[in-house]
Every structure is written in structure tokens, then in C-alpha cells.
């Protein structure tokens, strides 16, 4: 993780207005303690939209290269600190909400590029493609962020979600960027795994007995 001096300079360079960290732990599900207790968390940064007022054919790459890396570092640092280390994190996800004065592509330009996604994957010690959500909304709009296993994307036990919400963001000219992580699976996961599924097609199902 970065030290406080480096983190402060990174936050300033990214123009972050605020950072919101949220964490939850499910103690009971269906009246029973989960066999594998897990923590889930989001770290979100509210930043000025660097593309406000630009034309729809503007190349977004230059700002992505500048803005996305420090945000990836800052958000993953918060997740690693809050969840007890990158080695404890088993699932991850990402998201962005662009304010109403921006394009949905502005959200994508931050989270769907290697300048964010590759770094989140590296810092959280993953190898899977990172599942995502993005939206354009007014301040306070919640966004459900999906997650799956950081190295074994076919592991259904780790398909889960967590909701991110910033009460005063994004303002019309802002973007909320979110990184999410979990230290374990869903409570009482028991629906099998994609790697061991039987062959299923519509023709097979049509011939299956009731």
C-alpha cells in the first residue's frame, strides 16, 4: 500500500472531492451463520468529469491515462486496508456513475481501460476479467455492483453484489468511480459450478422427462 504522503498527493492529482468506504458482514442468512463468514466492501471516489463540454467524437484516452491510475491505487488501497490484505480478497468488481451532464462513455473511459482495470486486478492480486456496472444518474442514485472470483471467474459461489451509493454525488459534472471486493462467497452457496455443469441445451431439455 502507499504511504500517507503518496496517497495524499495521488488524491490531489486525481481531483477527488470525497472518498466513501462502505463495508458489510452478514452474520445470519436464513437464520443461520454462514459457514464461510465474509466481508464485502466498496471504495468510491467522487471526481470531476474531465470531459464535460467536449464533443462526442473526442478521444478520451489521454485523460484516462492520467486520471484512472491514481484512482485505481487509492480505491484498492482502501479495500486492502479494510478487508485485511489483498491475500484475503477473493472476489472483485468495478463500477462508475456519471453525472447527468456527462456521457455514459465517460464512465466507461475510466473503468473499462487498462489504466484502471489492469491496475485494480494487479493490486488485488487477481487474474479474472473484472465484472462491472455503469450508469448515468443524479446524486444519491444507488448502483448495484457485481462481483465474481478474482482468479476463477467460473466459480458460482462468488457471484454476488453490493450496492454503492454516494448521498451527494455524482453532481452533474462529476463521476463516481467504485471498486468492490469480498473476502468470501455468498452465504450458504450451493448451486454448483460452471466447470462441473452437465451439458444443457434447449433440445436436451425438450427431451428430458418431467
Protein backbone atom coordinates (compact mmCIF):
# COMPACT_ATOMS: atom_id res chain seq x y z
CA UNK A 1 0.00 0.00 0.00
CA UNK A 2 1.05 3.58 -0.47
CA UNK A 3 2.19 5.71 2.43
CA UNK A 4 0.10 8.69 3.57
CA UNK A 5 2.22 11.24 1.71
CA UNK A 6 1.94 9.38 -1.59
CA UNK A 7 -1.76 8.75 -1.08
CA UNK A 8 -2.40 12.42 -0.37
CA UNK A 9 -0.59 13.54 -3.50
CA UNK A 10 -2.42 10.95 -5.59
CA UNK A 11 -5.79 12.09 -4.28
CA UNK A 12 -4.91 15.69 -5.04
CA UNK A 13 -3.69 14.84 -8.53
CA UNK A 14 -6.93 12.98 -9.29
CA UNK A 15 -9.03 15.92 -8.09
CA UNK A 16 -11.02 13.69 -5.75
CA UNK A 17 -13.76 15.57 -3.86
CA UNK A 18 -14.52 12.77 -1.44
CA UNK A 19 -13.92 9.07 -0.81
CA UNK A 20 -16.59 6.83 0.66
CA UNK A 21 -15.74 3.41 2.08
CA UNK A 22 -18.56 1.01 2.92
CA UNK A 23 -18.28 -2.45 4.45
CA UNK A 24 -20.75 -5.12 5.49
CA UNK A 25 -20.68 -8.52 7.15
CA UNK A 26 -23.61 -10.95 7.00
CA UNK A 27 -23.92 -12.60 10.41
CA UNK A 28 -27.08 -14.61 9.72
CA UNK A 29 -28.68 -15.80 6.48
CA UNK A 30 -31.96 -17.72 6.74
CA UNK A 31 -31.44 -17.75 10.50
CA UNK A 32 -28.06 -19.48 10.30
CA UNK A 33 -24.49 -18.25 10.41
CA UNK A 34 -22.78 -18.60 7.02
CA UNK A 35 -20.27 -21.50 7.03
CA UNK A 36 -17.71 -19.18 5.45
CA UNK A 37 -18.03 -15.70 7.02
CA UNK A 38 -17.15 -12.97 4.55
CA UNK A 39 -16.70 -9.22 4.45
CA UNK A 40 -17.84 -7.21 1.45
CA UNK A 41 -16.87 -3.62 0.74
CA UNK A 42 -16.88 -0.79 -1.75
CA UNK A 43 -14.47 2.11 -2.05
CA UNK A 44 -15.78 5.00 -4.12
CA UNK A 45 -14.18 8.24 -5.30
CA UNK A 46 -16.11 11.30 -6.46
CA UNK A 47 -14.13 13.14 -9.12
CA UNK A 48 -14.73 15.97 -11.59
CA UNK A 49 -15.68 14.73 -15.03
CA UNK A 50 -12.66 15.70 -17.19
CA UNK A 51 -14.70 15.53 -20.41
CA UNK A 52 -17.58 17.88 -19.55
CA UNK A 53 -18.35 20.09 -22.56
CA UNK A 54 -16.31 18.07 -25.04
CA UNK A 55 -17.67 16.81 -28.36
CA UNK A 56 -18.99 13.23 -28.71
CA UNK A 57 -16.09 12.35 -31.03
CA UNK A 58 -13.42 13.47 -28.54
CA UNK A 59 -10.70 10.89 -27.91
CA UNK A 60 -10.92 10.06 -24.20
CA UNK A 61 -7.64 8.18 -23.90
CA UNK A 62 -5.33 10.97 -22.75
CA UNK A 63 -7.39 11.83 -19.68
CA UNK A 64 -7.92 8.13 -18.92
CA UNK A 65 -4.17 7.57 -18.79
CA UNK A 66 -3.79 10.47 -16.36
CA UNK A 67 -6.85 10.15 -14.13
CA UNK A 68 -7.54 6.40 -13.85
CA UNK A 69 -4.25 5.02 -12.40
CA UNK A 70 -4.19 7.07 -9.18
CA UNK A 71 -7.87 6.29 -8.59
CA UNK A 72 -7.21 2.58 -9.03
CA UNK A 73 -4.38 2.81 -6.49
CA UNK A 74 -6.38 4.82 -3.96
CA UNK A 75 -9.51 2.66 -4.09
CA UNK A 76 -7.67 -0.65 -3.92
CA UNK A 77 -5.56 0.65 -1.03
CA UNK A 78 -8.78 1.32 0.88
CA UNK A 79 -10.16 -2.15 0.11
CA UNK A 80 -6.91 -3.89 1.04
CA UNK A 81 -6.69 -1.99 4.32
CA UNK A 82 -10.35 -2.52 5.20
CA UNK A 83 -10.53 -6.20 4.28
CA UNK A 84 -7.24 -7.24 5.83
CA UNK A 85 -4.93 -7.61 2.85
CA UNK A 86 -5.05 -8.49 -0.83
CA UNK A 87 -4.50 -12.15 0.01
CA UNK A 88 -7.81 -12.23 1.92
CA UNK A 89 -9.79 -10.81 -1.01
CA UNK A 90 -11.43 -13.50 -3.15
CA UNK A 91 -13.87 -11.59 -5.39
CA UNK A 92 -13.87 -8.18 -7.04
CA UNK A 93 -15.90 -5.82 -9.22
CA UNK A 94 -15.92 -2.26 -10.53
CA UNK A 95 -18.46 0.42 -11.38
CA UNK A 96 -18.95 4.06 -12.30
CA UNK A 97 -21.81 6.54 -12.25
CA UNK A 98 -21.51 9.61 -14.47
CA UNK A 99 -23.46 12.76 -13.62
CA UNK A 100 -26.31 13.97 -15.80
CA UNK A 101 -24.18 16.47 -17.72
CA UNK A 102 -21.84 13.73 -18.94
CA UNK A 103 -21.96 10.83 -21.37
CA UNK A 104 -22.20 7.22 -20.27
CA UNK A 105 -18.99 6.75 -22.26
CA UNK A 106 -17.24 9.00 -19.75
CA UNK A 107 -17.87 6.39 -17.07
CA UNK A 108 -16.60 3.66 -19.36
CA UNK A 109 -13.49 5.64 -20.22
CA UNK A 110 -12.35 5.38 -16.63
CA UNK A 111 -13.24 1.81 -15.65
CA UNK A 112 -13.13 -0.06 -18.98
CA UNK A 113 -9.50 0.69 -19.80
CA UNK A 114 -6.25 -0.95 -18.70
CA UNK A 115 -5.39 2.23 -16.82
CA UNK A 116 -7.99 1.28 -14.23
CA UNK A 117 -9.00 -2.36 -14.69
CA UNK A 118 -5.50 -3.79 -15.14
CA UNK A 119 -4.26 -1.97 -12.07
CA UNK A 120 -7.21 -2.99 -9.89
CA UNK A 121 -6.56 -6.59 -10.96
CA UNK A 122 -2.84 -6.29 -10.17
CA UNK A 123 -3.23 -4.56 -6.81
CA UNK A 124 -5.89 -7.06 -5.64
CA UNK A 125 -3.78 -9.98 -6.94
CA UNK A 126 -6.39 -11.24 -9.38
CA UNK A 127 -6.34 -12.60 -12.91
CA UNK A 128 -10.02 -12.72 -13.94
CA UNK A 129 -11.75 -10.16 -16.11
CA UNK A 130 -13.49 -7.79 -13.70
CA UNK A 131 -17.28 -7.70 -13.89
CA UNK A 132 -18.81 -4.23 -13.85
CA UNK A 133 -21.77 -1.87 -13.78
CA UNK A 134 -22.12 1.67 -15.07
CA UNK A 135 -24.90 4.25 -15.23
CA UNK A 136 -25.74 7.92 -15.62
CA UNK A 137 -27.71 9.32 -12.71
CA UNK A 138 -28.36 12.17 -10.34
CA UNK A 139 -26.67 12.44 -6.94
CA UNK A 140 -27.66 9.75 -4.48
CA UNK A 141 -28.63 7.12 -7.03
CA UNK A 142 -27.64 3.62 -5.82
CA UNK A 143 -25.81 1.27 -8.14
CA UNK A 144 -25.62 -2.49 -7.69
CA UNK A 145 -22.02 -3.61 -8.27
CA UNK A 146 -21.49 -7.24 -9.32
CA UNK A 147 -18.51 -9.29 -8.21
CA UNK A 148 -17.05 -12.68 -9.03
CA UNK A 149 -13.96 -14.68 -8.08
CA UNK A 150 -10.75 -12.79 -8.78
CA UNK A 151 -8.93 -15.80 -10.25
CA UNK A 152 -11.67 -18.33 -11.07
CA UNK A 153 -14.49 -16.47 -12.80
CA UNK A 154 -16.50 -19.69 -13.28
CA UNK A 155 -16.81 -20.21 -9.53
CA UNK A 156 -20.51 -19.54 -8.93
CA UNK A 157 -20.18 -19.39 -5.14
CA UNK A 158 -18.55 -15.99 -5.50
CA UNK A 159 -21.18 -14.44 -7.80
CA UNK A 160 -22.51 -11.67 -5.55
CA UNK A 161 -23.38 -7.99 -5.47
CA UNK A 162 -23.01 -5.00 -3.22
CA UNK A 163 -24.78 -1.66 -3.52
CA UNK A 164 -22.83 1.60 -3.72
CA UNK A 165 -24.43 4.97 -3.03
CA UNK A 166 -22.99 8.45 -2.54
CA UNK A 167 -25.54 10.80 -1.00
CA UNK A 168 -24.28 13.95 -2.75
CA UNK A 169 -22.67 12.51 -5.85
CA UNK A 170 -22.26 12.47 -8.67
CA UNK A 171 -23.13 16.10 -9.25
CA UNK A 172 -23.97 16.78 -12.92
CA UNK A 173 -20.31 17.45 -13.76
CA UNK A 174 -18.84 14.57 -11.71
CA UNK A 175 -18.17 10.84 -11.91
CA UNK A 176 -18.31 8.32 -9.07
CA UNK A 177 -15.77 5.54 -9.56
CA UNK A 178 -16.18 2.37 -7.48
CA UNK A 179 -14.03 -0.67 -6.72
CA UNK A 180 -15.64 -3.54 -4.83
CA UNK A 181 -14.30 -6.66 -3.15
CA UNK A 182 -15.32 -9.59 -0.95
CA UNK A 183 -13.33 -11.94 1.25
CA UNK A 184 -15.52 -14.95 0.50
CA UNK A 185 -18.56 -16.46 -1.20
CA UNK A 186 -22.28 -15.81 -0.83
CA UNK A 187 -23.80 -17.18 2.38
CA UNK A 188 -24.72 -20.87 2.01
CA UNK A 189 -23.65 -21.02 -1.67
CA UNK A 190 -24.88 -24.34 -3.10
CA UNK A 191 -25.75 -24.08 -6.79
CA UNK A 192 -22.78 -25.88 -8.27
CA UNK A 193 -20.03 -24.61 -10.50
CA UNK A 194 -19.84 -23.78 -14.19
CA UNK A 195 -16.82 -26.04 -14.64
CA UNK A 196 -18.79 -29.11 -13.50
CA UNK A 197 -22.20 -28.32 -15.06
CA UNK A 198 -23.87 -31.00 -17.20
CA UNK A 199 -24.46 -30.26 -20.87
CA UNK A 200 -27.68 -28.23 -21.17
CA UNK A 201 -29.33 -27.13 -24.43
CA UNK A 202 -32.92 -26.47 -25.41
CA UNK A 203 -33.00 -29.75 -27.34
CA UNK A 204 -31.77 -31.71 -24.32
CA UNK A 205 -34.39 -30.05 -22.14
CA UNK A 206 -37.16 -30.77 -24.65
CA UNK A 207 -36.37 -34.49 -24.36
CA UNK A 208 -35.98 -34.51 -20.60
CA UNK A 209 -38.57 -36.34 -18.55
CA UNK A 210 -40.74 -34.27 -16.23
